[in-house]
């Protein structure tokens, strides 16, 4: 099998999601920010040919180009290896539902409105704007509460094995796990912490999620 190319920066949570899926399935891949000999920049016009909304990740399989992480995940499912979905249609539906909710609502609450302000501060003198961060905390806490509740009696988010929902959630939680104590919101969510640490220890996460 040829080596798959994932277009996108290694810090992107959705790029990391596709990496986790590839590693879980035993698929060879490489990360790149170049196509046809030209450098690509995230959210710039250089990505228009590959994604009409200039987003990442984008999968390139020889000459085939596929944008959007959830679509890429479904495409990779056909490559064999352990499944990231489920044969039971109701469980499959729950995986799809959680994957969608995480991609839209959780990403906004945990990453766009919280982590981005910490990693790329918008305040004076390049300091974190604590007003923005404080305003973002209720939605982030509610999201973590929802995930914590879902994990109350489960080792994984939905199925009894690693799924697309986990692949989307883990890179987001990865950033939160490594925040300094005064910015870290995870203390009151023991199920989330145990879940992250349990899967983080699995071999396919090595090199994708941060190390302790």
N, C-alpha and C. Protein backbone atom coordinates (compact mmCIF):
# COMPACT_ATOMS: atom_id res chain seq x y z
N UNK A 1 0.84 -1.20 0.00
CA UNK A 1 0.00 0.00 0.00
C UNK A 1 0.88 1.25 0.00
N UNK A 2 0.47 2.25 -0.77
CA UNK A 2 1.22 3.51 -0.81
C UNK A 2 1.06 4.28 0.50
N UNK A 3 1.99 5.21 0.72
CA UNK A 3 1.94 6.05 1.92
C UNK A 3 0.93 7.17 1.72
N UNK A 4 0.02 7.31 2.64
CA UNK A 4 -0.97 8.38 2.59
C UNK A 4 -0.34 9.68 3.04
N UNK A 5 -0.82 10.79 2.49
CA UNK A 5 -0.35 12.11 2.89
C UNK A 5 -1.47 12.86 3.58
N UNK A 6 -1.19 13.35 4.76
CA UNK A 6 -2.15 14.18 5.49
C UNK A 6 -1.65 15.61 5.43
N UNK A 7 -2.41 16.46 4.79
CA UNK A 7 -2.05 17.87 4.69
C UNK A 7 -2.55 18.60 5.93
N UNK A 8 -1.63 19.23 6.63
CA UNK A 8 -2.00 19.99 7.82
C UNK A 8 -0.86 20.03 8.81
N UNK A 9 -0.87 21.00 9.72
CA UNK A 9 0.19 21.13 10.73
C UNK A 9 -0.02 20.13 11.86
N UNK A 10 1.06 19.70 12.47
CA UNK A 10 0.98 18.68 13.51
C UNK A 10 0.25 19.15 14.76
N UNK A 11 0.11 20.48 14.95
CA UNK A 11 -0.57 20.97 16.16
C UNK A 11 -2.08 20.93 16.04
N UNK A 12 -2.62 20.75 14.83
CA UNK A 12 -4.07 20.73 14.63
C UNK A 12 -4.69 19.50 15.29
N UNK A 13 -5.75 19.71 16.09
CA UNK A 13 -6.39 18.57 16.73
C UNK A 13 -7.01 17.63 15.70
N UNK A 14 -7.56 18.15 14.62
CA UNK A 14 -8.18 17.29 13.63
C UNK A 14 -7.14 16.53 12.81
N UNK A 15 -5.99 17.12 12.59
CA UNK A 15 -4.88 16.40 11.97
C UNK A 15 -4.47 15.25 12.88
N UNK A 16 -4.35 15.53 14.17
CA UNK A 16 -4.00 14.49 15.13
C UNK A 16 -5.04 13.37 15.14
N UNK A 17 -6.31 13.72 14.96
CA UNK A 17 -7.37 12.70 14.91
C UNK A 17 -7.11 11.71 13.78
N UNK A 18 -6.78 12.24 12.62
CA UNK A 18 -6.52 11.36 11.48
C UNK A 18 -5.24 10.56 11.68
N UNK A 19 -4.24 11.17 12.31
CA UNK A 19 -3.04 10.42 12.65
C UNK A 19 -3.36 9.24 13.57
N UNK A 20 -4.17 9.48 14.60
CA UNK A 20 -4.53 8.41 15.52
C UNK A 20 -5.23 7.27 14.79
N UNK A 21 -6.12 7.61 13.88
CA UNK A 21 -6.84 6.59 13.12
C UNK A 21 -5.86 5.78 12.27
N UNK A 22 -4.95 6.46 11.59
CA UNK A 22 -3.96 5.76 10.76
C UNK A 22 -3.11 4.83 11.61
N UNK A 23 -2.64 5.31 12.75
CA UNK A 23 -1.81 4.48 13.62
C UNK A 23 -2.61 3.31 14.18
N UNK A 24 -3.83 3.55 14.57
CA UNK A 24 -4.69 2.49 15.10
C UNK A 24 -4.91 1.40 14.06
N UNK A 25 -5.05 1.80 12.81
CA UNK A 25 -5.30 0.84 11.73
C UNK A 25 -4.01 0.29 11.12
N UNK A 26 -2.87 0.83 11.52
CA UNK A 26 -1.61 0.36 10.96
C UNK A 26 -1.35 0.86 9.54
N UNK A 27 -1.82 2.07 9.23
CA UNK A 27 -1.65 2.64 7.89
C UNK A 27 -0.44 3.58 7.86
N UNK A 28 0.35 3.46 6.82
CA UNK A 28 1.50 4.35 6.66
C UNK A 28 1.03 5.72 6.18
N UNK A 29 1.57 6.77 6.80
CA UNK A 29 1.20 8.12 6.41
C UNK A 29 2.36 9.07 6.65
N UNK A 30 2.24 10.24 6.06
CA UNK A 30 3.18 11.32 6.32
C UNK A 30 2.41 12.62 6.43
N UNK A 31 2.91 13.54 7.25
CA UNK A 31 2.33 14.87 7.33
C UNK A 31 3.05 15.78 6.35
N UNK A 32 2.33 16.71 5.77
CA UNK A 32 2.95 17.61 4.81
C UNK A 32 2.22 18.95 4.80
N UNK A 33 2.96 20.00 4.49
CA UNK A 33 2.38 21.31 4.20
C UNK A 33 2.84 21.76 2.83
N UNK A 34 2.84 20.80 1.92
CA UNK A 34 3.27 21.06 0.55
C UNK A 34 2.45 20.19 -0.40
N UNK A 35 2.13 20.73 -1.57
CA UNK A 35 1.41 19.97 -2.59
C UNK A 35 1.89 20.40 -3.96
N UNK A 36 2.26 19.42 -4.75
CA UNK A 36 2.76 19.66 -6.11
C UNK A 36 3.91 20.67 -6.10
N UNK A 37 4.76 20.53 -5.11
CA UNK A 37 5.95 21.36 -5.03
C UNK A 37 5.73 22.76 -4.49
N UNK A 38 4.50 23.05 -4.05
CA UNK A 38 4.20 24.39 -3.55
C UNK A 38 3.86 24.34 -2.06
N UNK A 39 4.38 25.30 -1.31
CA UNK A 39 4.11 25.38 0.12
C UNK A 39 2.67 25.79 0.37
N UNK A 40 2.10 25.24 1.42
CA UNK A 40 0.72 25.53 1.78
C UNK A 40 0.68 26.21 3.14
N UNK A 41 -0.23 27.15 3.30
CA UNK A 41 -0.42 27.81 4.59
C UNK A 41 -1.87 27.62 5.03
N UNK A 42 -2.03 27.28 6.30
CA UNK A 42 -3.36 27.04 6.85
C UNK A 42 -4.23 28.29 6.71
N UNK A 43 -5.47 28.09 6.26
CA UNK A 43 -6.47 29.15 6.09
C UNK A 43 -6.12 30.17 5.02
N UNK A 44 -5.13 29.86 4.18
CA UNK A 44 -4.74 30.79 3.11
C UNK A 44 -5.29 30.30 1.77
N UNK A 45 -5.19 31.17 0.77
CA UNK A 45 -5.67 30.83 -0.57
C UNK A 45 -4.89 29.66 -1.18
N UNK A 46 -3.72 29.37 -0.62
CA UNK A 46 -2.93 28.26 -1.16
C UNK A 46 -3.64 26.92 -0.97
N UNK A 47 -4.61 26.87 -0.07
CA UNK A 47 -5.35 25.63 0.19
C UNK A 47 -6.63 25.50 -0.64
N UNK A 48 -7.00 26.54 -1.35
CA UNK A 48 -8.30 26.56 -2.04
C UNK A 48 -8.46 25.40 -3.01
N UNK A 49 -7.40 25.01 -3.68
CA UNK A 49 -7.46 23.93 -4.65
C UNK A 49 -7.78 22.60 -3.97
N UNK A 50 -7.41 22.47 -2.69
CA UNK A 50 -7.60 21.22 -1.97
C UNK A 50 -8.84 21.23 -1.09
N UNK A 51 -9.25 22.41 -0.64
CA UNK A 51 -10.42 22.54 0.24
C UNK A 51 -11.05 23.90 -0.02
N UNK A 52 -12.32 23.93 -0.44
CA UNK A 52 -12.95 25.22 -0.79
C UNK A 52 -13.03 26.20 0.37
N UNK A 53 -12.97 25.69 1.60
CA UNK A 53 -13.01 26.56 2.78
C UNK A 53 -11.65 26.70 3.45
N UNK A 54 -10.62 26.19 2.79
CA UNK A 54 -9.22 26.38 3.22
C UNK A 54 -8.95 25.83 4.61
N UNK A 55 -9.51 24.63 4.89
CA UNK A 55 -9.33 23.99 6.19
C UNK A 55 -8.46 22.74 6.06
N UNK A 56 -7.99 22.27 7.21
CA UNK A 56 -7.25 21.01 7.27
C UNK A 56 -7.91 20.13 8.33
N UNK A 57 -7.70 18.82 8.25
CA UNK A 57 -6.79 18.09 7.37
C UNK A 57 -7.39 17.82 6.00
N UNK A 58 -6.49 17.48 5.09
CA UNK A 58 -6.84 17.02 3.75
C UNK A 58 -6.04 15.76 3.50
N UNK A 59 -6.69 14.72 3.03
CA UNK A 59 -6.00 13.47 2.74
C UNK A 59 -5.69 13.39 1.25
N UNK A 60 -4.47 12.98 0.93
CA UNK A 60 -4.10 12.72 -0.45
C UNK A 60 -3.65 11.27 -0.56
N UNK A 61 -4.38 10.51 -1.36
CA UNK A 61 -4.07 9.10 -1.60
C UNK A 61 -3.75 8.96 -3.07
N UNK A 62 -2.44 9.01 -3.36
CA UNK A 62 -1.97 9.11 -4.75
C UNK A 62 -2.62 10.36 -5.36
N UNK A 63 -3.47 10.23 -6.37
CA UNK A 63 -4.06 11.42 -6.98
C UNK A 63 -5.40 11.82 -6.39
N UNK A 64 -5.88 11.05 -5.43
CA UNK A 64 -7.20 11.30 -4.86
C UNK A 64 -7.09 12.28 -3.69
N UNK A 65 -7.91 13.34 -3.70
CA UNK A 65 -7.88 14.38 -2.68
C UNK A 65 -9.20 14.38 -1.93
N UNK A 66 -9.12 14.31 -0.61
CA UNK A 66 -10.34 14.27 0.21
C UNK A 66 -10.20 15.19 1.41
N UNK A 67 -11.04 16.24 1.52
CA UNK A 67 -11.03 17.12 2.68
C UNK A 67 -12.00 16.64 3.76
N UNK A 68 -11.92 17.26 4.94
CA UNK A 68 -12.83 17.07 6.06
C UNK A 68 -12.53 15.77 6.82
N UNK A 69 -12.25 15.94 8.12
CA UNK A 69 -11.77 14.83 8.94
C UNK A 69 -12.77 13.68 9.05
N UNK A 70 -14.06 13.98 9.20
CA UNK A 70 -15.02 12.89 9.33
C UNK A 70 -15.15 12.09 8.03
N UNK A 71 -15.07 12.78 6.89
CA UNK A 71 -15.10 12.08 5.60
C UNK A 71 -13.83 11.25 5.42
N UNK A 72 -12.70 11.81 5.83
CA UNK A 72 -11.44 11.07 5.74
C UNK A 72 -11.51 9.81 6.58
N UNK A 73 -12.06 9.92 7.78
CA UNK A 73 -12.17 8.76 8.67
C UNK A 73 -12.99 7.65 8.02
N UNK A 74 -14.09 8.02 7.38
CA UNK A 74 -14.93 7.00 6.73
C UNK A 74 -14.21 6.38 5.54
N UNK A 75 -13.41 7.15 4.85
CA UNK A 75 -12.62 6.64 3.73
C UNK A 75 -11.58 5.65 4.25
N UNK A 76 -10.90 6.00 5.33
CA UNK A 76 -9.86 5.13 5.89
C UNK A 76 -10.45 3.83 6.43
N UNK A 77 -11.72 3.84 6.80
CA UNK A 77 -12.36 2.63 7.30
C UNK A 77 -12.30 1.50 6.28
N UNK A 78 -12.28 1.86 5.00
CA UNK A 78 -12.26 0.85 3.93
C UNK A 78 -10.88 0.23 3.71
N UNK A 79 -9.87 0.73 4.44
CA UNK A 79 -8.51 0.21 4.27
C UNK A 79 -8.24 -1.00 5.15
N UNK A 80 -9.23 -1.45 5.90
CA UNK A 80 -9.03 -2.61 6.76
C UNK A 80 -8.45 -2.20 8.10
N UNK A 81 -7.95 -3.21 8.83
CA UNK A 81 -7.48 -2.96 10.18
C UNK A 81 -8.66 -2.86 11.13
N UNK A 82 -8.42 -2.64 12.40
CA UNK A 82 -9.53 -2.54 13.36
C UNK A 82 -10.47 -1.39 13.03
N UNK A 83 -11.75 -1.63 13.21
CA UNK A 83 -12.76 -0.65 12.82
C UNK A 83 -12.84 0.50 13.83
N UNK A 84 -13.14 1.70 13.31
CA UNK A 84 -13.40 2.86 14.17
C UNK A 84 -14.89 3.18 14.19
N UNK A 85 -15.69 2.25 13.67
CA UNK A 85 -17.15 2.38 13.70
C UNK A 85 -17.71 1.14 14.40
N UNK A 86 -18.85 0.65 14.01
CA UNK A 86 -19.44 -0.51 14.68
C UNK A 86 -20.45 -1.15 13.75
N UNK A 87 -20.56 -2.48 13.83
CA UNK A 87 -21.50 -3.20 12.97
C UNK A 87 -22.95 -2.99 13.39
N UNK A 88 -23.18 -2.67 14.67
CA UNK A 88 -24.54 -2.40 15.14
C UNK A 88 -24.94 -1.00 14.69
N UNK A 89 -26.03 -0.86 13.92
CA UNK A 89 -26.39 0.45 13.38
C UNK A 89 -26.69 1.50 14.44
N UNK A 90 -27.21 1.08 15.60
CA UNK A 90 -27.50 2.05 16.66
C UNK A 90 -26.21 2.57 17.30
N UNK A 91 -25.27 1.68 17.51
CA UNK A 91 -23.97 2.11 18.03
C UNK A 91 -23.26 2.97 17.00
N UNK A 92 -23.33 2.56 15.74
CA UNK A 92 -22.74 3.35 14.65
C UNK A 92 -23.32 4.77 14.65
N UNK A 93 -24.64 4.85 14.84
CA UNK A 93 -25.29 6.15 14.87
C UNK A 93 -24.80 7.01 16.03
N UNK A 94 -24.58 6.39 17.19
CA UNK A 94 -24.08 7.13 18.34
C UNK A 94 -22.64 7.62 18.11
N UNK A 95 -21.84 6.79 17.47
CA UNK A 95 -20.47 7.21 17.13
C UNK A 95 -20.53 8.43 16.21
N UNK A 96 -21.39 8.37 15.22
CA UNK A 96 -21.55 9.50 14.30
C UNK A 96 -22.04 10.75 15.03
N UNK A 97 -23.02 10.57 15.92
CA UNK A 97 -23.58 11.71 16.65
C UNK A 97 -22.52 12.37 17.53
N UNK A 98 -21.79 11.57 18.30
CA UNK A 98 -20.75 12.12 19.16
C UNK A 98 -19.62 12.75 18.35
N UNK A 99 -19.28 12.13 17.23
CA UNK A 99 -18.23 12.70 16.38
C UNK A 99 -18.63 14.07 15.87
N UNK A 100 -19.88 14.21 15.49
CA UNK A 100 -20.39 15.49 15.01
C UNK A 100 -20.42 16.53 16.13
N UNK A 101 -20.94 16.15 17.30
CA UNK A 101 -21.02 17.08 18.42
C UNK A 101 -19.64 17.55 18.87
N UNK A 102 -18.70 16.62 18.91
CA UNK A 102 -17.34 16.97 19.31
C UNK A 102 -16.69 17.90 18.29
N UNK A 103 -16.89 17.60 17.01
CA UNK A 103 -16.26 18.39 15.94
C UNK A 103 -16.76 19.82 15.91
N UNK A 104 -18.02 20.01 16.28
CA UNK A 104 -18.62 21.36 16.20
C UNK A 104 -18.60 22.04 17.57
N UNK A 105 -19.35 21.52 18.52
CA UNK A 105 -19.57 22.21 19.79
C UNK A 105 -18.37 22.09 20.73
N UNK A 106 -17.84 20.87 20.87
CA UNK A 106 -16.71 20.70 21.79
C UNK A 106 -15.47 21.41 21.28
N UNK A 107 -15.23 21.37 19.98
CA UNK A 107 -14.06 22.06 19.44
C UNK A 107 -14.14 23.55 19.69
N UNK A 108 -15.32 24.11 19.48
CA UNK A 108 -15.50 25.54 19.72
C UNK A 108 -15.25 25.89 21.19
N UNK A 109 -15.83 25.09 22.09
CA UNK A 109 -15.73 25.39 23.53
C UNK A 109 -14.34 25.13 24.09
N UNK A 110 -13.76 24.00 23.71
CA UNK A 110 -12.49 23.59 24.32
C UNK A 110 -11.27 24.17 23.62
N UNK A 111 -11.36 24.35 22.32
CA UNK A 111 -10.18 24.78 21.56
C UNK A 111 -10.31 26.23 21.06
N UNK A 112 -11.29 26.50 20.22
CA UNK A 112 -11.40 27.83 19.60
C UNK A 112 -11.51 28.94 20.63
N UNK A 113 -12.35 28.74 21.65
CA UNK A 113 -12.61 29.82 22.61
C UNK A 113 -11.74 29.76 23.86
N UNK A 114 -11.02 28.64 24.06
CA UNK A 114 -10.24 28.51 25.29
C UNK A 114 -8.75 28.29 25.01
N UNK A 115 -8.41 27.18 24.41
CA UNK A 115 -6.99 26.88 24.17
C UNK A 115 -6.33 27.91 23.26
N UNK A 116 -7.03 28.35 22.23
CA UNK A 116 -6.42 29.31 21.30
C UNK A 116 -6.02 30.60 22.01
N UNK A 117 -6.84 31.06 22.95
CA UNK A 117 -6.49 32.28 23.69
C UNK A 117 -5.24 32.06 24.56
N UNK A 118 -5.06 30.85 25.05
CA UNK A 118 -3.89 30.55 25.87
C UNK A 118 -2.64 30.41 25.01
N UNK A 119 -2.77 29.72 23.90
CA UNK A 119 -1.61 29.48 23.04
C UNK A 119 -1.24 30.71 22.21
N UNK A 120 -2.25 31.50 21.84
CA UNK A 120 -2.01 32.69 21.01
C UNK A 120 -2.73 33.87 21.67
N UNK A 121 -2.18 34.40 22.76
CA UNK A 121 -2.88 35.43 23.55
C UNK A 121 -3.21 36.67 22.74
N UNK A 122 -4.40 37.21 23.00
CA UNK A 122 -4.84 38.41 22.28
C UNK A 122 -4.82 39.65 23.14
N UNK A 123 -4.37 39.51 24.41
CA UNK A 123 -4.35 40.66 25.31
C UNK A 123 -3.17 41.57 25.08
N UNK A 124 -3.12 42.64 25.84
CA UNK A 124 -2.02 43.61 25.74
C UNK A 124 -0.69 42.94 26.05
N UNK A 125 0.33 43.36 25.30
CA UNK A 125 1.69 42.82 25.50
C UNK A 125 1.74 41.30 25.37
N UNK A 126 0.91 40.77 24.47
CA UNK A 126 0.87 39.33 24.21
C UNK A 126 0.55 38.51 25.45
N UNK A 127 -0.25 39.07 26.33
CA UNK A 127 -0.69 38.36 27.52
C UNK A 127 -2.09 37.78 27.28
N UNK A 128 -2.42 36.72 28.02
CA UNK A 128 -3.76 36.13 27.91
C UNK A 128 -4.81 37.15 28.33
N UNK A 129 -5.83 37.27 27.52
CA UNK A 129 -6.97 38.13 27.86
C UNK A 129 -7.87 37.34 28.82
N UNK A 130 -7.71 37.58 30.10
CA UNK A 130 -8.44 36.80 31.10
C UNK A 130 -9.94 37.04 31.05
N UNK A 131 -10.35 38.20 30.53
CA UNK A 131 -11.78 38.45 30.36
C UNK A 131 -12.37 37.47 29.36
N UNK A 132 -11.66 37.29 28.24
CA UNK A 132 -12.11 36.32 27.23
C UNK A 132 -12.10 34.90 27.79
N UNK A 133 -11.03 34.57 28.50
CA UNK A 133 -10.89 33.22 29.02
C UNK A 133 -11.97 32.91 30.05
N UNK A 134 -12.25 33.86 30.91
CA UNK A 134 -13.29 33.68 31.92
C UNK A 134 -14.66 33.51 31.26
N UNK A 135 -14.90 34.28 30.20
CA UNK A 135 -16.17 34.18 29.48
C UNK A 135 -16.31 32.83 28.79
N UNK A 136 -15.17 32.24 28.42
CA UNK A 136 -15.19 30.96 27.70
C UNK A 136 -15.32 29.76 28.64
N UNK A 137 -15.06 29.95 29.91
CA UNK A 137 -15.02 28.82 30.85
C UNK A 137 -16.35 28.09 31.02
N UNK A 138 -17.49 28.76 31.12
CA UNK A 138 -18.74 28.01 31.31
C UNK A 138 -19.00 26.98 30.21
N UNK A 139 -18.80 27.35 28.95
CA UNK A 139 -19.03 26.41 27.85
C UNK A 139 -18.01 25.28 27.88
N UNK A 140 -16.76 25.60 28.21
CA UNK A 140 -15.72 24.56 28.30
C UNK A 140 -16.05 23.58 29.43
N UNK A 141 -16.48 24.11 30.58
CA UNK A 141 -16.83 23.26 31.71
C UNK A 141 -18.05 22.39 31.41
N UNK A 142 -19.03 22.95 30.72
CA UNK A 142 -20.21 22.17 30.36
C UNK A 142 -19.84 21.05 29.40
N UNK A 143 -18.95 21.33 28.48
CA UNK A 143 -18.50 20.32 27.53
C UNK A 143 -17.77 19.19 28.25
N UNK A 144 -16.88 19.55 29.16
CA UNK A 144 -16.15 18.54 29.94
C UNK A 144 -17.11 17.74 30.82
N UNK A 145 -18.12 18.40 31.35
CA UNK A 145 -19.14 17.71 32.14
C UNK A 145 -19.87 16.67 31.26
N UNK A 146 -20.23 17.06 30.05
CA UNK A 146 -20.94 16.14 29.15
C UNK A 146 -20.08 14.91 28.83
N UNK A 147 -18.80 15.14 28.58
CA UNK A 147 -17.89 14.03 28.28
C UNK A 147 -17.70 13.16 29.52
N UNK A 148 -17.53 13.80 30.67
CA UNK A 148 -17.34 13.07 31.93
C UNK A 148 -18.54 12.17 32.23
N UNK A 149 -19.74 12.70 31.99
CA UNK A 149 -20.98 11.93 32.22
C UNK A 149 -21.05 10.74 31.26
N UNK A 150 -20.68 10.96 30.00
CA UNK A 150 -20.71 9.89 29.01
C UNK A 150 -19.75 8.76 29.38
N UNK A 151 -18.68 9.11 30.08
CA UNK A 151 -17.65 8.14 30.44
C UNK A 151 -17.90 7.47 31.79
N UNK A 152 -19.04 7.77 32.42
CA UNK A 152 -19.29 7.28 33.78
C UNK A 152 -19.19 5.76 33.88
N UNK A 153 -19.69 5.05 32.87
CA UNK A 153 -19.66 3.58 32.89
C UNK A 153 -19.01 3.00 31.65
N UNK A 154 -18.20 3.82 30.97
CA UNK A 154 -17.61 3.39 29.70
C UNK A 154 -16.10 3.62 29.69
N UNK A 155 -15.37 2.69 29.09
CA UNK A 155 -13.94 2.87 28.89
C UNK A 155 -13.66 3.77 27.69
N UNK A 156 -14.59 3.79 26.75
CA UNK A 156 -14.50 4.63 25.56
C UNK A 156 -15.75 5.49 25.48
N UNK A 157 -15.76 6.46 24.59
CA UNK A 157 -16.89 7.38 24.55
C UNK A 157 -18.20 6.72 24.15
N UNK A 158 -18.14 5.80 23.18
CA UNK A 158 -19.38 5.20 22.70
C UNK A 158 -19.32 3.67 22.72
N UNK A 159 -18.51 3.11 21.86
CA UNK A 159 -18.47 1.67 21.70
C UNK A 159 -17.58 1.05 22.77
N UNK A 160 -17.42 -0.27 22.70
CA UNK A 160 -16.54 -0.97 23.63
C UNK A 160 -15.12 -1.07 23.07
N UNK A 161 -14.83 -0.18 22.13
CA UNK A 161 -13.50 -0.11 21.53
C UNK A 161 -13.27 1.32 21.03
N UNK A 162 -12.04 1.60 20.69
CA UNK A 162 -11.67 2.91 20.14
C UNK A 162 -12.49 3.19 18.89
N UNK A 163 -13.03 4.42 18.79
CA UNK A 163 -13.85 4.78 17.64
C UNK A 163 -13.50 6.18 17.15
N UNK A 164 -14.15 6.60 16.09
CA UNK A 164 -13.95 7.94 15.56
C UNK A 164 -14.20 8.99 16.63
N UNK A 165 -15.19 8.78 17.49
CA UNK A 165 -15.48 9.75 18.55
C UNK A 165 -14.28 9.95 19.46
N UNK A 166 -13.60 8.87 19.82
CA UNK A 166 -12.41 8.97 20.65
C UNK A 166 -11.27 9.67 19.92
N UNK A 167 -11.14 9.37 18.64
CA UNK A 167 -10.08 10.00 17.84
C UNK A 167 -10.24 11.51 17.77
N UNK A 168 -11.48 11.99 17.79
CA UNK A 168 -11.73 13.42 17.76
C UNK A 168 -11.55 14.04 19.15
N UNK A 169 -12.01 13.34 20.18
CA UNK A 169 -11.97 13.89 21.54
C UNK A 169 -10.55 13.97 22.11
N UNK A 170 -9.76 12.94 21.92
CA UNK A 170 -8.47 12.83 22.61
C UNK A 170 -7.51 13.98 22.33
N UNK A 171 -7.33 14.42 21.06
CA UNK A 171 -6.41 15.53 20.84
C UNK A 171 -6.86 16.84 21.51
N UNK A 172 -8.17 17.03 21.62
CA UNK A 172 -8.66 18.22 22.32
C UNK A 172 -8.32 18.12 23.81
N UNK A 173 -8.61 16.97 24.39
CA UNK A 173 -8.31 16.77 25.81
C UNK A 173 -6.81 16.82 26.07
N UNK A 174 -6.04 16.41 25.08
CA UNK A 174 -4.58 16.41 25.20
C UNK A 174 -4.06 17.80 25.55
N UNK A 175 -4.58 18.82 24.89
CA UNK A 175 -4.16 20.19 25.18
C UNK A 175 -4.56 20.60 26.60
N UNK A 176 -5.74 20.20 27.02
CA UNK A 176 -6.21 20.57 28.36
C UNK A 176 -5.43 19.85 29.45
N UNK A 177 -5.05 18.61 29.19
CA UNK A 177 -4.30 17.85 30.20
C UNK A 177 -2.96 18.50 30.53
N UNK A 178 -2.41 19.24 29.60
CA UNK A 178 -1.07 19.78 29.77
C UNK A 178 -1.05 21.27 30.09
N UNK A 179 -2.20 21.81 30.46
CA UNK A 179 -2.25 23.21 30.88
C UNK A 179 -1.73 23.35 32.32
N UNK A 180 -1.14 24.49 32.64
CA UNK A 180 -0.74 24.73 34.04
C UNK A 180 -1.97 24.74 34.94
N UNK A 181 -1.75 24.47 36.23
CA UNK A 181 -2.86 24.25 37.17
C UNK A 181 -3.86 25.40 37.19
N UNK A 182 -3.39 26.64 37.11
CA UNK A 182 -4.31 27.78 37.24
C UNK A 182 -5.21 27.97 36.02
N UNK A 183 -4.90 27.28 34.93
CA UNK A 183 -5.74 27.36 33.73
C UNK A 183 -6.44 26.04 33.43
N UNK A 184 -6.08 25.00 34.16
CA UNK A 184 -6.59 23.66 33.89
C UNK A 184 -7.97 23.47 34.51
N UNK A 185 -8.93 23.02 33.70
CA UNK A 185 -10.32 22.86 34.15
C UNK A 185 -10.69 21.42 34.47
N UNK A 186 -9.74 20.50 34.42
CA UNK A 186 -10.06 19.08 34.47
C UNK A 186 -10.20 18.49 35.87
N UNK A 187 -9.82 19.23 36.90
CA UNK A 187 -9.75 18.66 38.25
C UNK A 187 -11.06 18.02 38.71
N UNK A 188 -12.18 18.58 38.31
CA UNK A 188 -13.48 18.06 38.78
C UNK A 188 -14.07 17.01 37.85
N UNK A 189 -13.27 16.52 36.90
CA UNK A 189 -13.78 15.54 35.93
C UNK A 189 -12.89 14.30 35.91
N UNK A 190 -12.97 13.47 36.97
CA UNK A 190 -12.08 12.31 37.09
C UNK A 190 -12.25 11.28 35.99
N UNK A 191 -13.47 11.12 35.47
CA UNK A 191 -13.67 10.15 34.39
C UNK A 191 -12.90 10.56 33.14
N UNK A 192 -12.87 11.86 32.86
CA UNK A 192 -12.16 12.36 31.68
C UNK A 192 -10.65 12.13 31.84
N UNK A 193 -10.13 12.41 33.04
CA UNK A 193 -8.69 12.23 33.27
C UNK A 193 -8.31 10.76 33.15
N UNK A 194 -9.08 9.88 33.77
CA UNK A 194 -8.78 8.44 33.71
C UNK A 194 -8.87 7.92 32.28
N UNK A 195 -9.87 8.37 31.56
CA UNK A 195 -10.06 7.98 30.14
C UNK A 195 -8.85 8.40 29.31
N UNK A 196 -8.46 9.65 29.45
CA UNK A 196 -7.32 10.15 28.68
C UNK A 196 -6.06 9.35 28.98
N UNK A 197 -5.77 9.15 30.26
CA UNK A 197 -4.54 8.46 30.64
C UNK A 197 -4.55 7.00 30.17
N UNK A 198 -5.72 6.37 30.23
CA UNK A 198 -5.83 4.97 29.81
C UNK A 198 -5.52 4.81 28.32
N UNK A 199 -6.09 5.67 27.50
CA UNK A 199 -5.88 5.52 26.05
C UNK A 199 -4.52 6.10 25.65
N UNK A 200 -4.09 7.16 26.33
CA UNK A 200 -2.78 7.75 26.06
C UNK A 200 -1.68 6.71 26.15
N UNK A 201 -1.84 5.73 27.02
CA UNK A 201 -0.82 4.70 27.23
C UNK A 201 -0.78 3.66 26.11
N UNK A 202 -1.76 3.66 25.23
CA UNK A 202 -1.81 2.67 24.15
C UNK A 202 -0.79 3.02 23.07
N UNK A 203 -0.16 2.01 22.46
CA UNK A 203 0.95 2.25 21.52
C UNK A 203 0.62 3.18 20.36
N UNK A 204 -0.62 3.14 19.86
CA UNK A 204 -0.93 3.94 18.67
C UNK A 204 -1.01 5.44 18.97
N UNK A 205 -1.02 5.81 20.25
CA UNK A 205 -1.04 7.23 20.61
C UNK A 205 0.36 7.84 20.66
N UNK A 206 1.37 6.99 20.72
CA UNK A 206 2.74 7.48 20.84
C UNK A 206 3.13 8.29 19.61
N UNK A 207 3.69 9.45 19.85
CA UNK A 207 4.12 10.31 18.75
C UNK A 207 3.03 11.24 18.23
N UNK A 208 1.80 11.04 18.70
CA UNK A 208 0.69 11.91 18.28
C UNK A 208 0.26 12.79 19.45
N UNK A 209 -0.06 12.16 20.58
CA UNK A 209 -0.42 12.91 21.78
C UNK A 209 0.85 13.31 22.53
N UNK A 210 0.75 14.38 23.30
CA UNK A 210 1.91 14.87 24.05
C UNK A 210 2.32 13.84 25.10
N UNK A 211 3.60 13.84 25.42
CA UNK A 211 4.10 12.97 26.49
C UNK A 211 4.10 13.74 27.80
N UNK A 212 4.05 13.02 28.89
CA UNK A 212 4.06 13.65 30.21
C UNK A 212 5.50 13.91 30.66
